[in-house]
Amino acid sequence: MTTRVKHPYIIDVEASGFGPDSYPIEVGVAMEEGKRYCSLIHPERSWTHWCDDAERYHQIPRSSLLLHGKQAVIVAETLNLLLEGQTVYSDGWVVDKPWLIKLFNKARVPMEFTVSPLEMILREPQMEIWHEVKDQIERELMIERHRASNDALIIQKTYQRTLEMTEGVSL
């Protein structure tokens, strides 16, 4: 049985590509109501892989990272301050978790929170209506820029609405 979490913290990571040589370029978190964190990440010297297909998806040019990105250690320490002791959920855990590990390893900072797959708290009735509700949330929020914190907010609100809609539904 899944745990009923009413207001999960959601994390999303954008990356330089899709394979093992890729690295995190942006991290976003949706926390308690109205509180979000988002940061571009300045590429470390050894992080050179860049995929044009990934850039078309996230629409963040490498030049923006070089100009506006924060050092890995700053991003890792900020995430720890915001999320210490929390479990945060990801809808892309299989890729987000390794990118976060890469970020914290490069920063030489221990991760002080847990990252778990969103599926750990989703119930089957929620999954059945997920995509329809997510599309509705995206239309309502009218977010124009693809950013990690925006994605995290959409996922968080979709989770909450699907939970409300299915609370009386038994498995």
N, C-alpha and C. Protein backbone atom coordinates (compact mmCIF):
# COMPACT_ATOMS: atom_id res chain seq x y z
N MET A 1 0.84 -1.19 0.00
CA MET A 1 0.00 0.00 0.00
C MET A 1 0.88 1.25 0.00
N THR A 2 0.45 2.25 -0.79
CA THR A 2 1.22 3.48 -0.87
C THR A 2 0.89 4.40 0.30
N THR A 3 1.85 5.22 0.66
CA THR A 3 1.67 6.20 1.71
C THR A 3 0.86 7.37 1.17
N ARG A 4 -0.06 7.88 1.97
CA ARG A 4 -0.84 9.04 1.54
C ARG A 4 -0.12 10.30 1.99
N VAL A 5 0.50 10.95 1.05
CA VAL A 5 1.19 12.21 1.29
C VAL A 5 0.32 13.29 0.68
N LYS A 6 -0.06 14.27 1.48
CA LYS A 6 -0.97 15.33 1.00
C LYS A 6 -0.24 16.41 0.21
N HIS A 7 0.97 16.75 0.64
CA HIS A 7 1.69 17.86 0.00
C HIS A 7 3.17 17.47 -0.20
N PRO A 8 3.44 16.63 -1.20
CA PRO A 8 4.82 16.17 -1.38
C PRO A 8 5.73 17.26 -1.94
N TYR A 9 6.97 17.22 -1.51
CA TYR A 9 8.00 18.05 -2.13
C TYR A 9 8.39 17.33 -3.42
N ILE A 10 8.48 18.09 -4.51
CA ILE A 10 8.79 17.52 -5.82
C ILE A 10 10.07 18.16 -6.34
N ILE A 11 10.96 17.33 -6.89
CA ILE A 11 12.21 17.82 -7.47
C ILE A 11 12.26 17.44 -8.95
N ASP A 12 12.84 18.33 -9.74
CA ASP A 12 13.02 18.06 -11.17
C ASP A 12 14.41 18.54 -11.57
N VAL A 13 15.05 17.77 -12.43
CA VAL A 13 16.40 18.11 -12.87
C VAL A 13 16.43 18.14 -14.40
N GLU A 14 17.00 19.19 -14.95
CA GLU A 14 17.27 19.26 -16.39
C GLU A 14 18.75 18.93 -16.57
N ALA A 15 19.07 18.34 -17.72
CA ALA A 15 20.45 17.89 -17.91
C ALA A 15 20.97 18.23 -19.30
N SER A 16 22.27 18.07 -19.46
CA SER A 16 22.95 18.40 -20.71
C SER A 16 22.67 17.40 -21.82
N GLY A 17 22.15 16.26 -21.47
CA GLY A 17 21.87 15.22 -22.45
C GLY A 17 21.08 14.10 -21.81
N PHE A 18 21.05 12.98 -22.48
CA PHE A 18 20.24 11.87 -22.02
C PHE A 18 21.04 10.64 -21.60
N GLY A 19 22.33 10.63 -21.84
CA GLY A 19 23.13 9.45 -21.57
C GLY A 19 24.01 9.59 -20.34
N PRO A 20 24.91 8.62 -20.14
CA PRO A 20 25.75 8.59 -18.93
C PRO A 20 26.76 9.74 -18.84
N ASP A 21 27.08 10.39 -19.95
CA ASP A 21 28.02 11.51 -19.91
C ASP A 21 27.34 12.83 -19.59
N SER A 22 26.01 12.82 -19.51
CA SER A 22 25.29 14.06 -19.24
C SER A 22 25.44 14.45 -17.77
N TYR A 23 25.11 15.69 -17.48
CA TYR A 23 25.26 16.23 -16.13
C TYR A 23 24.11 17.21 -15.87
N PRO A 24 23.84 17.52 -14.61
CA PRO A 24 22.73 18.42 -14.30
C PRO A 24 23.05 19.86 -14.69
N ILE A 25 22.06 20.52 -15.29
CA ILE A 25 22.25 21.93 -15.67
C ILE A 25 21.28 22.84 -14.92
N GLU A 26 20.20 22.25 -14.39
CA GLU A 26 19.23 23.04 -13.64
C GLU A 26 18.49 22.12 -12.69
N VAL A 27 18.21 22.61 -11.50
CA VAL A 27 17.41 21.85 -10.54
C VAL A 27 16.31 22.76 -10.03
N GLY A 28 15.12 22.17 -9.89
CA GLY A 28 13.99 22.93 -9.37
C GLY A 28 13.22 22.09 -8.36
N VAL A 29 12.69 22.75 -7.33
CA VAL A 29 11.94 22.07 -6.29
C VAL A 29 10.67 22.86 -5.99
N ALA A 30 9.57 22.13 -5.86
CA ALA A 30 8.32 22.71 -5.35
C ALA A 30 8.14 22.17 -3.94
N MET A 31 8.04 23.08 -2.98
CA MET A 31 7.95 22.68 -1.58
C MET A 31 6.57 23.02 -1.05
N GLU A 32 6.50 23.60 0.17
CA GLU A 32 5.19 23.95 0.70
C GLU A 32 4.55 25.00 -0.19
N GLU A 33 3.26 25.19 0.02
CA GLU A 33 2.45 26.05 -0.85
C GLU A 33 3.15 27.37 -1.17
N GLY A 34 3.40 27.58 -2.46
CA GLY A 34 3.97 28.84 -2.91
C GLY A 34 5.48 28.96 -2.80
N LYS A 35 6.16 27.98 -2.23
CA LYS A 35 7.61 28.07 -2.06
C LYS A 35 8.30 27.16 -3.07
N ARG A 36 9.16 27.78 -3.88
CA ARG A 36 9.92 27.03 -4.88
C ARG A 36 11.37 27.48 -4.89
N TYR A 37 12.21 26.60 -5.41
CA TYR A 37 13.62 26.93 -5.60
C TYR A 37 14.01 26.45 -6.99
N CYS A 38 14.81 27.27 -7.66
CA CYS A 38 15.30 26.89 -8.98
C CYS A 38 16.67 27.52 -9.20
N SER A 39 17.58 26.76 -9.77
CA SER A 39 18.90 27.31 -10.06
C SER A 39 19.51 26.63 -11.28
N LEU A 40 20.10 27.45 -12.12
CA LEU A 40 20.97 26.93 -13.17
C LEU A 40 22.27 26.51 -12.50
N ILE A 41 22.94 25.54 -13.11
CA ILE A 41 24.19 25.02 -12.54
C ILE A 41 25.32 25.27 -13.53
N HIS A 42 26.34 25.97 -13.07
CA HIS A 42 27.52 26.23 -13.91
C HIS A 42 28.23 24.91 -14.15
N PRO A 43 28.53 24.58 -15.41
CA PRO A 43 29.20 23.30 -15.68
C PRO A 43 30.59 23.24 -15.04
N GLU A 44 30.87 22.11 -14.42
CA GLU A 44 32.20 21.87 -13.88
C GLU A 44 33.16 21.66 -15.06
N ARG A 45 34.43 21.82 -14.82
CA ARG A 45 35.42 21.73 -15.89
C ARG A 45 35.34 20.40 -16.66
N SER A 46 35.08 19.32 -15.95
CA SER A 46 35.02 18.00 -16.59
C SER A 46 33.67 17.71 -17.25
N TRP A 47 32.69 18.58 -17.06
CA TRP A 47 31.36 18.38 -17.64
C TRP A 47 31.33 19.06 -19.02
N THR A 48 31.63 18.31 -20.04
CA THR A 48 31.73 18.89 -21.39
C THR A 48 30.66 18.38 -22.35
N HIS A 49 30.02 17.26 -22.03
CA HIS A 49 29.01 16.68 -22.93
C HIS A 49 27.84 17.66 -23.13
N TRP A 50 27.43 17.84 -24.38
CA TRP A 50 26.27 18.68 -24.67
C TRP A 50 25.49 18.05 -25.81
N CYS A 51 24.19 17.92 -25.63
CA CYS A 51 23.32 17.30 -26.61
C CYS A 51 22.33 18.35 -27.14
N ASP A 52 22.36 18.59 -28.43
CA ASP A 52 21.47 19.58 -29.03
C ASP A 52 19.99 19.20 -28.87
N ASP A 53 19.69 17.90 -28.93
CA ASP A 53 18.30 17.46 -28.73
C ASP A 53 17.82 17.81 -27.32
N ALA A 54 18.67 17.63 -26.32
CA ALA A 54 18.31 17.98 -24.95
C ALA A 54 18.09 19.50 -24.83
N GLU A 55 18.94 20.27 -25.49
CA GLU A 55 18.78 21.73 -25.44
C GLU A 55 17.46 22.15 -26.08
N ARG A 56 17.08 21.51 -27.18
CA ARG A 56 15.79 21.83 -27.80
C ARG A 56 14.65 21.54 -26.83
N TYR A 57 14.79 20.51 -26.00
CA TYR A 57 13.76 20.15 -25.05
C TYR A 57 13.70 21.15 -23.89
N HIS A 58 14.83 21.40 -23.23
CA HIS A 58 14.81 22.27 -22.05
C HIS A 58 14.99 23.74 -22.39
N GLN A 59 15.45 24.05 -23.59
CA GLN A 59 15.60 25.43 -24.09
C GLN A 59 16.53 26.27 -23.22
N ILE A 60 17.57 25.63 -22.70
CA ILE A 60 18.58 26.34 -21.92
C ILE A 60 19.91 26.19 -22.65
N PRO A 61 20.40 27.25 -23.28
CA PRO A 61 21.70 27.15 -23.96
C PRO A 61 22.85 27.07 -22.96
N ARG A 62 23.90 26.41 -23.36
CA ARG A 62 25.07 26.28 -22.49
C ARG A 62 25.61 27.65 -22.08
N SER A 63 25.52 28.62 -22.97
CA SER A 63 26.00 29.98 -22.64
C SER A 63 25.26 30.56 -21.43
N SER A 64 23.98 30.23 -21.26
CA SER A 64 23.23 30.70 -20.08
C SER A 64 23.79 30.10 -18.80
N LEU A 65 24.22 28.85 -18.88
CA LEU A 65 24.81 28.20 -17.71
C LEU A 65 26.12 28.89 -17.33
N LEU A 66 26.91 29.21 -18.34
CA LEU A 66 28.20 29.85 -18.09
C LEU A 66 28.03 31.25 -17.52
N LEU A 67 26.99 31.95 -17.96
CA LEU A 67 26.75 33.32 -17.49
C LEU A 67 26.00 33.38 -16.16
N HIS A 68 24.99 32.51 -15.98
CA HIS A 68 24.08 32.64 -14.85
C HIS A 68 24.08 31.46 -13.88
N GLY A 69 24.77 30.38 -14.25
CA GLY A 69 24.76 29.21 -13.39
C GLY A 69 25.55 29.40 -12.11
N LYS A 70 25.08 28.73 -11.05
CA LYS A 70 25.78 28.75 -9.76
C LYS A 70 26.69 27.53 -9.68
N GLN A 71 27.75 27.65 -8.92
CA GLN A 71 28.68 26.55 -8.73
C GLN A 71 27.95 25.37 -8.08
N ALA A 72 28.38 24.16 -8.41
CA ALA A 72 27.75 22.95 -7.90
C ALA A 72 27.67 22.95 -6.37
N VAL A 73 28.72 23.39 -5.71
CA VAL A 73 28.74 23.38 -4.24
C VAL A 73 27.66 24.30 -3.67
N ILE A 74 27.42 25.42 -4.29
CA ILE A 74 26.39 26.35 -3.82
C ILE A 74 25.00 25.75 -3.99
N VAL A 75 24.76 25.13 -5.14
CA VAL A 75 23.46 24.51 -5.39
C VAL A 75 23.24 23.34 -4.42
N ALA A 76 24.25 22.50 -4.23
CA ALA A 76 24.13 21.35 -3.33
C ALA A 76 23.86 21.82 -1.89
N GLU A 77 24.60 22.81 -1.43
CA GLU A 77 24.40 23.30 -0.06
C GLU A 77 23.03 23.95 0.10
N THR A 78 22.56 24.67 -0.90
CA THR A 78 21.24 25.28 -0.84
C THR A 78 20.15 24.22 -0.79
N LEU A 79 20.29 23.19 -1.62
CA LEU A 79 19.31 22.09 -1.58
C LEU A 79 19.28 21.44 -0.20
N ASN A 80 20.44 21.22 0.38
CA ASN A 80 20.49 20.64 1.73
C ASN A 80 19.80 21.54 2.76
N LEU A 81 20.02 22.84 2.67
CA LEU A 81 19.37 23.77 3.61
C LEU A 81 17.84 23.71 3.47
N LEU A 82 17.36 23.64 2.24
CA LEU A 82 15.92 23.64 1.99
C LEU A 82 15.25 22.30 2.28
N LEU A 83 16.00 21.21 2.08
CA LEU A 83 15.38 19.88 2.06
C LEU A 83 15.88 18.94 3.15
N GLU A 84 16.72 19.39 4.04
CA GLU A 84 17.33 18.52 5.04
C GLU A 84 16.29 17.63 5.74
N GLY A 85 16.54 16.34 5.72
CA GLY A 85 15.69 15.37 6.40
C GLY A 85 14.39 15.03 5.67
N GLN A 86 14.13 15.68 4.55
CA GLN A 86 12.89 15.46 3.79
C GLN A 86 13.05 14.31 2.80
N THR A 87 11.92 13.75 2.40
CA THR A 87 11.88 12.90 1.22
C THR A 87 11.26 13.74 0.12
N VAL A 88 11.97 13.88 -0.98
CA VAL A 88 11.45 14.59 -2.14
C VAL A 88 11.19 13.57 -3.24
N TYR A 89 10.19 13.84 -4.05
CA TYR A 89 9.77 12.87 -5.06
C TYR A 89 10.04 13.40 -6.46
N SER A 90 10.33 12.46 -7.35
CA SER A 90 10.63 12.79 -8.74
C SER A 90 9.82 11.89 -9.66
N ASP A 91 9.28 12.48 -10.73
CA ASP A 91 8.59 11.66 -11.72
C ASP A 91 9.57 11.08 -12.72
N GLY A 92 10.82 11.50 -12.64
CA GLY A 92 11.88 10.96 -13.50
C GLY A 92 13.03 10.46 -12.66
N TRP A 93 12.70 9.77 -11.58
CA TRP A 93 13.69 9.33 -10.59
C TRP A 93 14.87 8.59 -11.22
N VAL A 94 14.60 7.78 -12.20
CA VAL A 94 15.65 6.94 -12.79
C VAL A 94 16.77 7.77 -13.42
N VAL A 95 16.48 9.01 -13.82
CA VAL A 95 17.53 9.90 -14.34
C VAL A 95 17.85 11.03 -13.36
N ASP A 96 16.82 11.55 -12.68
CA ASP A 96 17.05 12.67 -11.75
C ASP A 96 17.97 12.28 -10.60
N LYS A 97 17.78 11.11 -10.04
CA LYS A 97 18.61 10.68 -8.90
C LYS A 97 20.11 10.59 -9.29
N PRO A 98 20.47 9.94 -10.42
CA PRO A 98 21.89 9.93 -10.80
C PRO A 98 22.45 11.32 -11.08
N TRP A 99 21.65 12.22 -11.65
CA TRP A 99 22.14 13.58 -11.88
C TRP A 99 22.37 14.31 -10.57
N LEU A 100 21.49 14.09 -9.58
CA LEU A 100 21.70 14.70 -8.26
C LEU A 100 22.94 14.11 -7.58
N ILE A 101 23.12 12.81 -7.72
CA ILE A 101 24.33 12.18 -7.17
C ILE A 101 25.58 12.78 -7.81
N LYS A 102 25.53 12.99 -9.13
CA LYS A 102 26.66 13.59 -9.83
C LYS A 102 26.92 15.01 -9.31
N LEU A 103 25.86 15.78 -9.09
CA LEU A 103 26.00 17.14 -8.57
C LEU A 103 26.64 17.13 -7.18
N PHE A 104 26.11 16.32 -6.27
CA PHE A 104 26.62 16.29 -4.90
C PHE A 104 28.03 15.71 -4.84
N ASN A 105 28.32 14.71 -5.66
CA ASN A 105 29.68 14.16 -5.68
C ASN A 105 30.68 15.21 -6.15
N LYS A 106 30.34 15.93 -7.22
CA LYS A 106 31.25 16.95 -7.73
C LYS A 106 31.43 18.07 -6.71
N ALA A 107 30.37 18.39 -5.98
CA ALA A 107 30.44 19.45 -4.96
C ALA A 107 31.15 18.96 -3.70
N ARG A 108 31.31 17.64 -3.56
CA ARG A 108 31.88 17.03 -2.36
C ARG A 108 31.07 17.39 -1.11
N VAL A 109 29.76 17.29 -1.29
CA VAL A 109 28.81 17.60 -0.22
C VAL A 109 27.90 16.38 -0.08
N PRO A 110 27.70 15.87 1.14
CA PRO A 110 26.77 14.75 1.31
C PRO A 110 25.32 15.23 1.14
N MET A 111 24.52 14.43 0.45
CA MET A 111 23.11 14.77 0.27
C MET A 111 22.38 14.49 1.58
N GLU A 112 21.68 15.49 2.11
CA GLU A 112 21.02 15.38 3.40
C GLU A 112 19.51 15.23 3.29
N PHE A 113 19.06 14.74 2.15
CA PHE A 113 17.65 14.45 1.92
C PHE A 113 17.57 13.21 1.05
N THR A 114 16.38 12.66 0.95
CA THR A 114 16.17 11.44 0.17
C THR A 114 15.36 11.77 -1.07
N VAL A 115 15.71 11.13 -2.17
CA VAL A 115 14.95 11.28 -3.41
C VAL A 115 14.28 9.93 -3.70
N SER A 116 12.98 9.98 -3.91
CA SER A 116 12.20 8.76 -4.10
C SER A 116 11.35 8.89 -5.36
N PRO A 117 11.05 7.77 -6.01
CA PRO A 117 10.17 7.83 -7.18
C PRO A 117 8.76 8.28 -6.79
N LEU A 118 8.17 9.12 -7.60
CA LEU A 118 6.80 9.59 -7.36
C LEU A 118 5.84 8.41 -7.26
N GLU A 119 6.12 7.35 -7.98
CA GLU A 119 5.25 6.17 -7.97
C GLU A 119 5.11 5.56 -6.57
N MET A 120 6.02 5.87 -5.68
CA MET A 120 5.95 5.34 -4.32
C MET A 120 4.75 5.89 -3.55
N ILE A 121 4.25 7.05 -3.96
CA ILE A 121 3.10 7.63 -3.26
C ILE A 121 1.86 7.73 -4.13
N LEU A 122 1.98 7.39 -5.41
CA LEU A 122 0.83 7.42 -6.32
C LEU A 122 0.01 6.15 -6.17
N ARG A 123 -1.30 6.32 -6.11
CA ARG A 123 -2.20 5.18 -6.10
C ARG A 123 -2.66 4.91 -7.53
N GLU A 124 -3.07 3.71 -7.79
CA GLU A 124 -3.48 3.33 -9.15
C GLU A 124 -4.58 4.24 -9.71
N PRO A 125 -5.62 4.59 -8.93
CA PRO A 125 -6.64 5.50 -9.49
C PRO A 125 -6.05 6.86 -9.91
N GLN A 126 -5.03 7.33 -9.19
CA GLN A 126 -4.37 8.59 -9.59
C GLN A 126 -3.67 8.42 -10.92
N MET A 127 -2.99 7.29 -11.08
CA MET A 127 -2.24 7.03 -12.31
C MET A 127 -3.17 7.00 -13.52
N GLU A 128 -4.38 6.49 -13.31
CA GLU A 128 -5.32 6.35 -14.42
C GLU A 128 -5.77 7.70 -14.98
N ILE A 129 -5.78 8.73 -14.16
CA ILE A 129 -6.23 10.05 -14.63
C ILE A 129 -5.09 11.07 -14.72
N TRP A 130 -3.88 10.62 -14.47
CA TRP A 130 -2.72 11.51 -14.35
C TRP A 130 -2.55 12.43 -15.55
N HIS A 131 -2.46 11.89 -16.76
CA HIS A 131 -2.12 12.70 -17.94
C HIS A 131 -3.21 13.72 -18.25
N GLU A 132 -4.45 13.32 -18.11
CA GLU A 132 -5.56 14.24 -18.35
C GLU A 132 -5.52 15.41 -17.35
N VAL A 133 -5.31 15.11 -16.09
CA VAL A 133 -5.26 16.14 -15.05
C VAL A 133 -4.02 17.02 -15.24
N LYS A 134 -2.90 16.43 -15.58
CA LYS A 134 -1.68 17.21 -15.79
C LYS A 134 -1.86 18.21 -16.94
N ASP A 135 -2.48 17.77 -18.02
CA ASP A 135 -2.75 18.69 -19.14
C ASP A 135 -3.63 19.85 -18.68
N GLN A 136 -4.62 19.55 -17.85
CA GLN A 136 -5.52 20.57 -17.32
C GLN A 136 -4.75 21.57 -16.44
N ILE A 137 -3.89 21.07 -15.57
CA ILE A 137 -3.07 21.93 -14.70
C ILE A 137 -2.18 22.85 -15.54
N GLU A 138 -1.55 22.29 -16.56
CA GLU A 138 -0.68 23.09 -17.43
C GLU A 138 -1.46 24.22 -18.09
N ARG A 139 -2.68 23.94 -18.55
CA ARG A 139 -3.52 24.99 -19.16
C ARG A 139 -3.88 26.05 -18.12
N GLU A 140 -4.23 25.63 -16.92
CA GLU A 140 -4.62 26.57 -15.86
C GLU A 140 -3.46 27.48 -15.44
N LEU A 141 -2.29 26.91 -15.30
CA LEU A 141 -1.14 27.69 -14.83
C LEU A 141 -0.56 28.61 -15.91
N MET A 142 -0.78 28.25 -17.16
CA MET A 142 -0.30 29.05 -18.30
C MET A 142 1.18 29.44 -18.16
N ILE A 143 2.00 28.49 -17.78
CA ILE A 143 3.43 28.72 -17.64
C ILE A 143 4.06 28.68 -19.03
N GLU A 144 4.73 29.76 -19.37
CA GLU A 144 5.29 29.86 -20.73
C GLU A 144 6.72 29.33 -20.83
N ARG A 145 7.49 29.43 -19.75
CA ARG A 145 8.89 29.00 -19.80
C ARG A 145 9.06 27.63 -19.21
N HIS A 146 9.75 26.77 -19.93
CA HIS A 146 10.08 25.43 -19.42
C HIS A 146 11.24 25.59 -18.44
N ARG A 147 10.96 25.44 -17.16
CA ARG A 147 11.98 25.49 -16.13
C ARG A 147 11.75 24.34 -15.17
N ALA A 148 12.81 23.91 -14.51
CA ALA A 148 12.71 22.76 -13.60
C ALA A 148 11.72 23.02 -12.47
N SER A 149 11.72 24.23 -11.90
CA SER A 149 10.79 24.50 -10.80
C SER A 149 9.34 24.56 -11.29
N ASN A 150 9.13 25.01 -12.53
CA ASN A 150 7.78 24.98 -13.10
C ASN A 150 7.31 23.55 -13.29
N ASP A 151 8.19 22.70 -13.79
CA ASP A 151 7.85 21.29 -13.96
C ASP A 151 7.51 20.66 -12.61
N ALA A 152 8.31 20.97 -11.59
CA ALA A 152 8.07 20.43 -10.25
C ALA A 152 6.71 20.89 -9.72
N LEU A 153 6.38 22.16 -9.95
CA LEU A 153 5.09 22.69 -9.50
C LEU A 153 3.93 21.99 -10.21
N ILE A 154 4.04 21.79 -11.51
CA ILE A 154 2.99 21.11 -12.27
C ILE A 154 2.79 19.70 -11.74
N ILE A 155 3.88 19.00 -11.49
CA ILE A 155 3.79 17.62 -10.97
C ILE A 155 3.15 17.63 -9.58
N GLN A 156 3.57 18.56 -8.74
CA GLN A 156 3.02 18.65 -7.39
C GLN A 156 1.51 18.91 -7.42
N LYS A 157 1.09 19.87 -8.23
CA LYS A 157 -0.34 20.20 -8.32
C LYS A 157 -1.14 19.06 -8.95
N THR A 158 -0.55 18.37 -9.91
CA THR A 158 -1.22 17.22 -10.52
C THR A 158 -1.40 16.12 -9.49
N TYR A 159 -0.37 15.87 -8.70
CA TYR A 159 -0.47 14.88 -7.64
C TYR A 159 -1.61 15.25 -6.68
N GLN A 160 -1.60 16.49 -6.22
CA GLN A 160 -2.60 16.91 -5.25
C GLN A 160 -4.02 16.79 -5.80
N ARG A 161 -4.23 17.24 -7.05
CA ARG A 161 -5.57 17.17 -7.61
C ARG A 161 -6.02 15.73 -7.84
N THR A 162 -5.11 14.89 -8.34
CA THR A 162 -5.50 13.49 -8.56
C THR A 162 -5.80 12.80 -7.24
N LEU A 163 -5.09 13.18 -6.18
CA LEU A 163 -5.36 12.62 -4.86
C LEU A 163 -6.76 13.04 -4.39
N GLU A 164 -7.07 14.32 -4.52
CA GLU A 164 -8.40 14.81 -4.13
C GLU A 164 -9.51 14.10 -4.90
N MET A 165 -9.28 13.92 -6.20
CA MET A 165 -10.31 13.32 -7.07
C MET A 165 -10.53 11.83 -6.79
N THR A 166 -9.54 11.19 -6.19
CA THR A 166 -9.61 9.72 -6.03
C THR A 166 -9.62 9.28 -4.56
N GLU A 167 -9.72 10.20 -3.63
CA GLU A 167 -9.63 9.81 -2.21
C GLU A 167 -10.66 8.78 -1.80
N GLY A 168 -11.84 8.82 -2.36
CA GLY A 168 -12.87 7.85 -1.99
C GLY A 168 -12.84 6.58 -2.80
N VAL A 169 -11.93 6.50 -3.77
CA VAL A 169 -11.85 5.35 -4.65
C VAL A 169 -10.97 4.28 -4.02
N SER A 170 -11.51 3.07 -3.89
CA SER A 170 -10.70 1.99 -3.32
C SER A 170 -9.97 1.25 -4.43
N LEU A 171 -8.91 0.58 -4.04
CA LEU A 171 -8.12 -0.18 -5.02
C LEU A 171 -8.77 -1.45 -5.35
